[in-house]
């Protein structure tokens, strides 16, 4: 969870989330008096003006209405109005497991191919950070057991819905992929952590 490093540094964290289930999950996994769960969205955080020193969004900016979110962040941020946006971009190739997992998503993902080739990010970032931004990239990975890999897949927006017959076929194929490539009950998803930061 992206809040933990900030909490470990002693920062107060306001987790703004429109989804009740996600807020409930955060409350279960984060027991820290510095963490505050807030019902809101990027475009309307429900936070007071000039109340925060940094806006951090992990794997979420692509859902924002850019102009509205920019206005809202400018409202709640204190000078110098710092924003950091992060994506964990999964590597599509790099070994048999990664290739088979990618093929699975292309076969069963409802709109995965469109999401994978979404080229809007840099254009949206340029509209958001009107004075420019910086970028850093770090290697990253997830080490997952069978249940963790299944949970990772089912949490994706492009996974077939529960009433879709393709969902069971996808899970069956995922189990087969895991069985072919697991080592000591684990597989590795490799990522590039892409960090974009600037001021409003």
C-alpha atoms as a PDB file:
ATOM      1  CA  UNK A   1       0.000   0.000   0.000  1.00  0.00           C
ATOM      2  CA  UNK A   2       1.427   3.360  -1.046  1.00  0.00           C
ATOM      3  CA  UNK A   3       0.544   5.015   2.288  1.00  0.00           C
ATOM      4  CA  UNK A   4       2.930   2.881   4.350  1.00  0.00           C
ATOM      5  CA  UNK A   5       6.285   4.536   3.462  1.00  0.00           C
ATOM      6  CA  UNK A   6       4.845   7.957   4.314  1.00  0.00           C
ATOM      7  CA  UNK A   7       3.384   6.697   7.584  1.00  0.00           C
ATOM      8  CA  UNK A   8       6.730   5.112   8.498  1.00  0.00           C
ATOM      9  CA  UNK A   9       8.339   8.543   8.051  1.00  0.00           C
ATOM     10  CA  UNK A  10       5.812  10.026  10.484  1.00  0.00           C
ATOM     11  CA  UNK A  11       3.688  11.820   7.882  1.00  0.00           C
ATOM     12  CA  UNK A  12      -0.045  12.268   8.228  1.00  0.00           C
ATOM     13  CA  UNK A  13      -1.700  10.572   5.246  1.00  0.00           C
ATOM     14  CA  UNK A  14      -5.161  11.312   3.882  1.00  0.00           C
ATOM     15  CA  UNK A  15      -6.251   8.406   1.715  1.00  0.00           C
ATOM     16  CA  UNK A  16      -8.834   9.874  -0.651  1.00  0.00           C
ATOM     17  CA  UNK A  17     -10.889   7.117  -2.266  1.00  0.00           C
ATOM     18  CA  UNK A  18     -14.362   7.132  -3.895  1.00  0.00           C
ATOM     19  CA  UNK A  19     -14.882   3.359  -3.527  1.00  0.00           C
ATOM     20  CA  UNK A  20     -16.307   2.138  -0.192  1.00  0.00           C
ATOM     21  CA  UNK A  21     -14.788  -1.348  -0.526  1.00  0.00           C
ATOM     22  CA  UNK A  22     -11.330   0.133  -1.094  1.00  0.00           C
ATOM     23  CA  UNK A  23     -11.719   2.419   1.931  1.00  0.00           C
ATOM     24  CA  UNK A  24     -12.788  -0.542   4.057  1.00  0.00           C
ATOM     25  CA  UNK A  25      -9.776  -2.563   2.880  1.00  0.00           C
ATOM     26  CA  UNK A  26      -7.427   0.306   3.747  1.00  0.00           C
ATOM     27  CA  UNK A  27      -8.915   0.568   7.232  1.00  0.00           C
ATOM     28  CA  UNK A  28      -8.303  -3.148   7.797  1.00  0.00           C
ATOM     29  CA  UNK A  29      -4.702  -3.121   6.525  1.00  0.00           C
ATOM     30  CA  UNK A  30      -3.562   0.195   7.986  1.00  0.00           C
ATOM     31  CA  UNK A  31      -3.803   0.603  11.741  1.00  0.00           C
ATOM     32  CA  UNK A  32      -2.047   3.903  12.315  1.00  0.00           C
ATOM     33  CA  UNK A  33      -3.453   7.068  13.924  1.00  0.00           C
ATOM     34  CA  UNK A  34      -1.711   9.136  11.235  1.00  0.00           C
ATOM     35  CA  UNK A  35      -3.817   7.511   8.492  1.00  0.00           C
ATOM     36  CA  UNK A  36      -7.144   9.157   7.688  1.00  0.00           C
ATOM     37  CA  UNK A  37      -9.559   7.540   5.232  1.00  0.00           C
ATOM     38  CA  UNK A  38     -11.457  10.174   3.248  1.00  0.00           C
ATOM     39  CA  UNK A  39     -14.487   9.761   1.000  1.00  0.00           C
ATOM     40  CA  UNK A  40     -13.679  11.732  -2.117  1.00  0.00           C
ATOM     41  CA  UNK A  41     -12.103  11.750  -5.555  1.00  0.00           C
ATOM     42  CA  UNK A  42      -9.270  13.515  -7.343  1.00  0.00           C
ATOM     43  CA  UNK A  43     -11.696  16.096  -8.678  1.00  0.00           C
ATOM     44  CA  UNK A  44     -13.311  16.691  -5.258  1.00  0.00           C
ATOM     45  CA  UNK A  45     -11.146  15.503  -2.359  1.00  0.00           C
ATOM     46  CA  UNK A  46     -13.220  16.994   0.482  1.00  0.00           C
ATOM     47  CA  UNK A  47      -9.966  18.246   2.029  1.00  0.00           C
ATOM     48  CA  UNK A  48      -9.563  21.852   3.260  1.00  0.00           C
ATOM     49  CA  UNK A  49      -7.753  24.433   1.146  1.00  0.00           C
ATOM     50  CA  UNK A  50      -3.966  24.607   1.640  1.00  0.00           C
ATOM     51  CA  UNK A  51      -4.043  21.510   3.854  1.00  0.00           C
ATOM     52  CA  UNK A  52      -1.414  19.153   2.328  1.00  0.00           C
ATOM     53  CA  UNK A  53       2.242  19.292   1.267  1.00  0.00           C
ATOM     54  CA  UNK A  54       2.189  16.583  -1.413  1.00  0.00           C
ATOM     55  CA  UNK A  55      -0.381  14.877  -3.611  1.00  0.00           C
ATOM     56  CA  UNK A  56       0.664  11.318  -4.430  1.00  0.00           C
ATOM     57  CA  UNK A  57      -1.303   9.087  -6.803  1.00  0.00           C
ATOM     58  CA  UNK A  58      -0.278   5.493  -7.398  1.00  0.00           C
ATOM     59  CA  UNK A  59      -1.624   3.746 -10.506  1.00  0.00           C
ATOM     60  CA  UNK A  60      -4.610   6.110 -10.623  1.00  0.00           C
ATOM     61  CA  UNK A  61      -3.937   9.274 -12.667  1.00  0.00           C
ATOM     62  CA  UNK A  62      -5.294   7.725 -15.872  1.00  0.00           C
ATOM     63  CA  UNK A  63      -8.762   7.729 -14.241  1.00  0.00           C
ATOM     64  CA  UNK A  64      -8.678  11.460 -13.414  1.00  0.00           C
ATOM     65  CA  UNK A  65     -10.479  14.268 -15.201  1.00  0.00           C
ATOM     66  CA  UNK A  66      -7.237  16.158 -15.735  1.00  0.00           C
ATOM     67  CA  UNK A  67      -8.410  19.786 -15.642  1.00  0.00           C
ATOM     68  CA  UNK A  68     -10.694  19.260 -12.645  1.00  0.00           C
ATOM     69  CA  UNK A  69      -8.079  17.290 -10.705  1.00  0.00           C
ATOM     70  CA  UNK A  70      -5.449  19.952 -11.401  1.00  0.00           C
ATOM     71  CA  UNK A  71      -7.718  22.676 -10.010  1.00  0.00           C
ATOM     72  CA  UNK A  72      -8.541  20.611  -6.932  1.00  0.00           C
ATOM     73  CA  UNK A  73      -4.905  19.737  -6.218  1.00  0.00           C
ATOM     74  CA  UNK A  74      -3.883  23.381  -6.619  1.00  0.00           C
ATOM     75  CA  UNK A  75      -6.584  24.276  -4.090  1.00  0.00           C
ATOM     76  CA  UNK A  76      -5.542  21.807  -1.367  1.00  0.00           C
ATOM     77  CA  UNK A  77      -1.745  22.030  -1.817  1.00  0.00           C
ATOM     78  CA  UNK A  78       0.525  24.378   0.065  1.00  0.00           C
ATOM     79  CA  UNK A  79       3.376  26.024  -1.830  1.00  0.00           C
ATOM     80  CA  UNK A  80       5.383  24.713  -3.679  1.00  0.00           C
ATOM     81  CA  UNK A  81       2.380  22.542  -4.693  1.00  0.00           C
ATOM     82  CA  UNK A  82       4.179  19.238  -5.278  1.00  0.00           C
ATOM     83  CA  UNK A  83       2.564  16.307  -7.073  1.00  0.00           C
ATOM     84  CA  UNK A  84       3.997  12.817  -7.636  1.00  0.00           C
ATOM     85  CA  UNK A  85       2.348  10.279  -9.934  1.00  0.00           C
ATOM     86  CA  UNK A  86       3.470   6.643 -10.076  1.00  0.00           C
ATOM     87  CA  UNK A  87       2.770   3.656 -12.302  1.00  0.00           C
ATOM     88  CA  UNK A  88       4.074   0.113 -12.007  1.00  0.00           C
ATOM     89  CA  UNK A  89       4.336  -0.901 -15.658  1.00  0.00           C
ATOM     90  CA  UNK A  90       4.549  -4.659 -16.076  1.00  0.00           C
ATOM     91  CA  UNK A  91       7.206  -5.974 -18.443  1.00  0.00           C
ATOM     92  CA  UNK A  92       5.597  -7.757 -21.375  1.00  0.00           C
ATOM     93  CA  UNK A  93       8.591  -9.919 -22.218  1.00  0.00           C
ATOM     94  CA  UNK A  94      11.585 -11.216 -20.330  1.00  0.00           C
ATOM     95  CA  UNK A  95      10.980 -14.926 -20.049  1.00  0.00           C
ATOM     96  CA  UNK A  96       8.434 -17.677 -20.738  1.00  0.00           C
ATOM     97  CA  UNK A  97       6.220 -16.854 -17.747  1.00  0.00           C
ATOM     98  CA  UNK A  98       5.900 -13.170 -18.631  1.00  0.00           C
ATOM     99  CA  UNK A  99       5.139 -14.021 -22.265  1.00  0.00           C
ATOM    100  CA  UNK A 100       2.453 -16.559 -21.341  1.00  0.00           C
ATOM    101  CA  UNK A 101       0.877 -14.189 -18.837  1.00  0.00           C
ATOM    102  CA  UNK A 102       0.747 -11.461 -21.488  1.00  0.00           C
ATOM    103  CA  UNK A 103      -0.853 -13.890 -23.961  1.00  0.00           C
ATOM    104  CA  UNK A 104      -3.472 -14.770 -21.323  1.00  0.00           C
ATOM    105  CA  UNK A 105      -4.408 -11.096 -20.924  1.00  0.00           C
ATOM    106  CA  UNK A 106      -4.609 -10.574 -24.680  1.00  0.00           C
ATOM    107  CA  UNK A 107      -6.858 -13.639 -24.996  1.00  0.00           C
ATOM    108  CA  UNK A 108      -9.257 -13.003 -22.106  1.00  0.00           C
ATOM    109  CA  UNK A 109      -8.927  -9.323 -21.151  1.00  0.00           C
ATOM    110  CA  UNK A 110     -12.114  -7.468 -22.018  1.00  0.00           C
ATOM    111  CA  UNK A 111     -10.343  -4.289 -23.150  1.00  0.00           C
ATOM    112  CA  UNK A 112      -6.768  -5.140 -22.268  1.00  0.00           C
ATOM    113  CA  UNK A 113      -5.337  -4.484 -25.729  1.00  0.00           C
ATOM    114  CA  UNK A 114      -6.700  -0.920 -25.688  1.00  0.00           C
ATOM    115  CA  UNK A 115      -5.414  -0.289 -22.147  1.00  0.00           C
ATOM    116  CA  UNK A 116      -2.007  -1.737 -23.007  1.00  0.00           C
ATOM    117  CA  UNK A 117      -1.608   0.555 -26.017  1.00  0.00           C
ATOM    118  CA  UNK A 118      -3.004   3.672 -24.343  1.00  0.00           C
ATOM    119  CA  UNK A 119      -0.555   6.323 -25.549  1.00  0.00           C
ATOM    120  CA  UNK A 120      -2.257   9.263 -23.839  1.00  0.00           C
ATOM    121  CA  UNK A 121      -0.103   9.351 -20.694  1.00  0.00           C
ATOM    122  CA  UNK A 122       2.606  11.777 -21.795  1.00  0.00           C
ATOM    123  CA  UNK A 123       0.034  14.036 -23.438  1.00  0.00           C
ATOM    124  CA  UNK A 124      -2.131  14.092 -20.290  1.00  0.00           C
ATOM    125  CA  UNK A 125       0.886  14.709 -18.079  1.00  0.00           C
ATOM    126  CA  UNK A 126       1.903  17.667 -20.229  1.00  0.00           C
ATOM    127  CA  UNK A 127      -1.581  19.135 -19.765  1.00  0.00           C
ATOM    128  CA  UNK A 128      -1.428  18.498 -16.024  1.00  0.00           C
ATOM    129  CA  UNK A 129       2.139  19.695 -15.311  1.00  0.00           C
ATOM    130  CA  UNK A 130       1.953  22.842 -17.419  1.00  0.00           C
ATOM    131  CA  UNK A 131       5.446  23.970 -16.305  1.00  0.00           C
ATOM    132  CA  UNK A 132       7.037  20.617 -17.089  1.00  0.00           C
ATOM    133  CA  UNK A 133       7.796  17.509 -15.062  1.00  0.00           C
ATOM    134  CA  UNK A 134      10.608  15.104 -14.241  1.00  0.00           C
ATOM    135  CA  UNK A 135      10.636  11.333 -14.670  1.00  0.00           C
ATOM    136  CA  UNK A 136      12.502   8.507 -12.954  1.00  0.00           C
ATOM    137  CA  UNK A 137      12.306   4.752 -13.468  1.00  0.00           C
ATOM    138  CA  UNK A 138      13.159   1.978 -11.002  1.00  0.00           C
ATOM    139  CA  UNK A 139      13.100  -1.823 -11.396  1.00  0.00           C
ATOM    140  CA  UNK A 140      10.472  -3.587  -9.338  1.00  0.00           C
ATOM    141  CA  UNK A 141       8.813  -6.993  -9.051  1.00  0.00           C
ATOM    142  CA  UNK A 142       6.031  -8.902  -7.333  1.00  0.00           C
ATOM    143  CA  UNK A 143       6.671 -12.364  -5.923  1.00  0.00           C
ATOM    144  CA  UNK A 144       3.315 -14.163  -5.873  1.00  0.00           C
ATOM    145  CA  UNK A 145       1.975 -17.553  -4.856  1.00  0.00           C
ATOM    146  CA  UNK A 146      -0.969 -19.086  -6.730  1.00  0.00           C
ATOM    147  CA  UNK A 147      -3.619 -17.203  -4.733  1.00  0.00           C
ATOM    148  CA  UNK A 148      -1.667 -13.950  -4.995  1.00  0.00           C
ATOM    149  CA  UNK A 149      -1.385 -14.265  -8.774  1.00  0.00           C
ATOM    150  CA  UNK A 150      -5.085 -15.022  -9.057  1.00  0.00           C
ATOM    151  CA  UNK A 151      -5.939 -12.037  -6.860  1.00  0.00           C
ATOM    152  CA  UNK A 152      -3.636  -9.800  -8.905  1.00  0.00           C
ATOM    153  CA  UNK A 153      -5.378 -10.790 -12.112  1.00  0.00           C
ATOM    154  CA  UNK A 154      -8.929 -10.552 -10.744  1.00  0.00           C
ATOM    155  CA  UNK A 155      -8.260  -7.043  -9.400  1.00  0.00           C
ATOM    156  CA  UNK A 156      -7.585  -5.742 -12.934  1.00  0.00           C
ATOM    157  CA  UNK A 157     -10.224  -3.586 -14.617  1.00  0.00           C
ATOM    158  CA  UNK A 158     -10.057  -5.667 -17.817  1.00  0.00           C
ATOM    159  CA  UNK A 159     -10.862  -9.004 -16.127  1.00  0.00           C
ATOM    160  CA  UNK A 160     -14.128 -10.598 -17.343  1.00  0.00           C
ATOM    161  CA  UNK A 161     -17.035 -10.086 -14.936  1.00  0.00           C
ATOM    162  CA  UNK A 162     -18.204 -12.877 -12.630  1.00  0.00           C
ATOM    163  CA  UNK A 163     -21.162 -13.735 -14.883  1.00  0.00           C
ATOM    164  CA  UNK A 164     -18.935 -13.968 -17.976  1.00  0.00           C
ATOM    165  CA  UNK A 165     -18.159 -17.612 -18.959  1.00  0.00           C
ATOM    166  CA  UNK A 166     -14.679 -16.489 -20.053  1.00  0.00           C
ATOM    167  CA  UNK A 167     -13.779 -15.782 -16.418  1.00  0.00           C
ATOM    168  CA  UNK A 168     -13.638 -19.482 -15.460  1.00  0.00           C
ATOM    169  CA  UNK A 169     -11.616 -20.336 -18.574  1.00  0.00           C
ATOM    170  CA  UNK A 170      -9.200 -17.513 -17.797  1.00  0.00           C
ATOM    171  CA  UNK A 171      -8.702 -18.726 -14.222  1.00  0.00           C
ATOM    172  CA  UNK A 172      -8.132 -22.295 -15.416  1.00  0.00           C
ATOM    173  CA  UNK A 173      -5.484 -21.130 -17.894  1.00  0.00           C
ATOM    174  CA  UNK A 174      -3.875 -18.948 -15.218  1.00  0.00           C
ATOM    175  CA  UNK A 175      -3.535 -21.968 -12.929  1.00  0.00           C
ATOM    176  CA  UNK A 176      -1.917 -23.930 -15.748  1.00  0.00           C
ATOM    177  CA  UNK A 177       0.557 -21.107 -16.415  1.00  0.00           C
ATOM    178  CA  UNK A 178       1.404 -20.921 -12.725  1.00  0.00           C
ATOM    179  CA  UNK A 179       1.990 -24.683 -12.539  1.00  0.00           C
ATOM    180  CA  UNK A 180       4.349 -24.574 -15.518  1.00  0.00           C
ATOM    181  CA  UNK A 181       6.494 -21.749 -14.186  1.00  0.00           C
ATOM    182  CA  UNK A 182       6.346 -21.683 -10.387  1.00  0.00           C
ATOM    183  CA  UNK A 183       9.551 -22.096  -8.433  1.00  0.00           C
ATOM    184  CA  UNK A 184       9.099 -23.092  -4.804  1.00  0.00           C
ATOM    185  CA  UNK A 185       5.452 -22.086  -5.101  1.00  0.00           C
ATOM    186  CA  UNK A 186       6.144 -18.595  -6.465  1.00  0.00           C
ATOM    187  CA  UNK A 187       6.260 -16.702  -9.746  1.00  0.00           C
ATOM    188  CA  UNK A 188       7.687 -13.251 -10.434  1.00  0.00           C
ATOM    189  CA  UNK A 189       5.978 -10.380 -12.221  1.00  0.00           C
ATOM    190  CA  UNK A 190       8.594  -7.846 -13.285  1.00  0.00           C
ATOM    191  CA  UNK A 191       7.806  -4.137 -13.487  1.00  0.00           C
ATOM    192  CA  UNK A 192       9.311  -0.767 -14.199  1.00  0.00           C
ATOM    193  CA  UNK A 193       8.170   1.710 -11.539  1.00  0.00           C
ATOM    194  CA  UNK A 194       7.665   4.978 -13.431  1.00  0.00           C
ATOM    195  CA  UNK A 195       7.685   8.117 -11.273  1.00  0.00           C
ATOM    196  CA  UNK A 196       6.572  11.518 -12.589  1.00  0.00           C
ATOM    197  CA  UNK A 197       6.853  14.598 -10.392  1.00  0.00           C
ATOM    198  CA  UNK A 198       6.505  18.342 -10.659  1.00  0.00           C
ATOM    199  CA  UNK A 199       4.756  21.444  -9.320  1.00  0.00           C
ATOM    200  CA  UNK A 200       1.405  23.018 -10.123  1.00  0.00           C
END
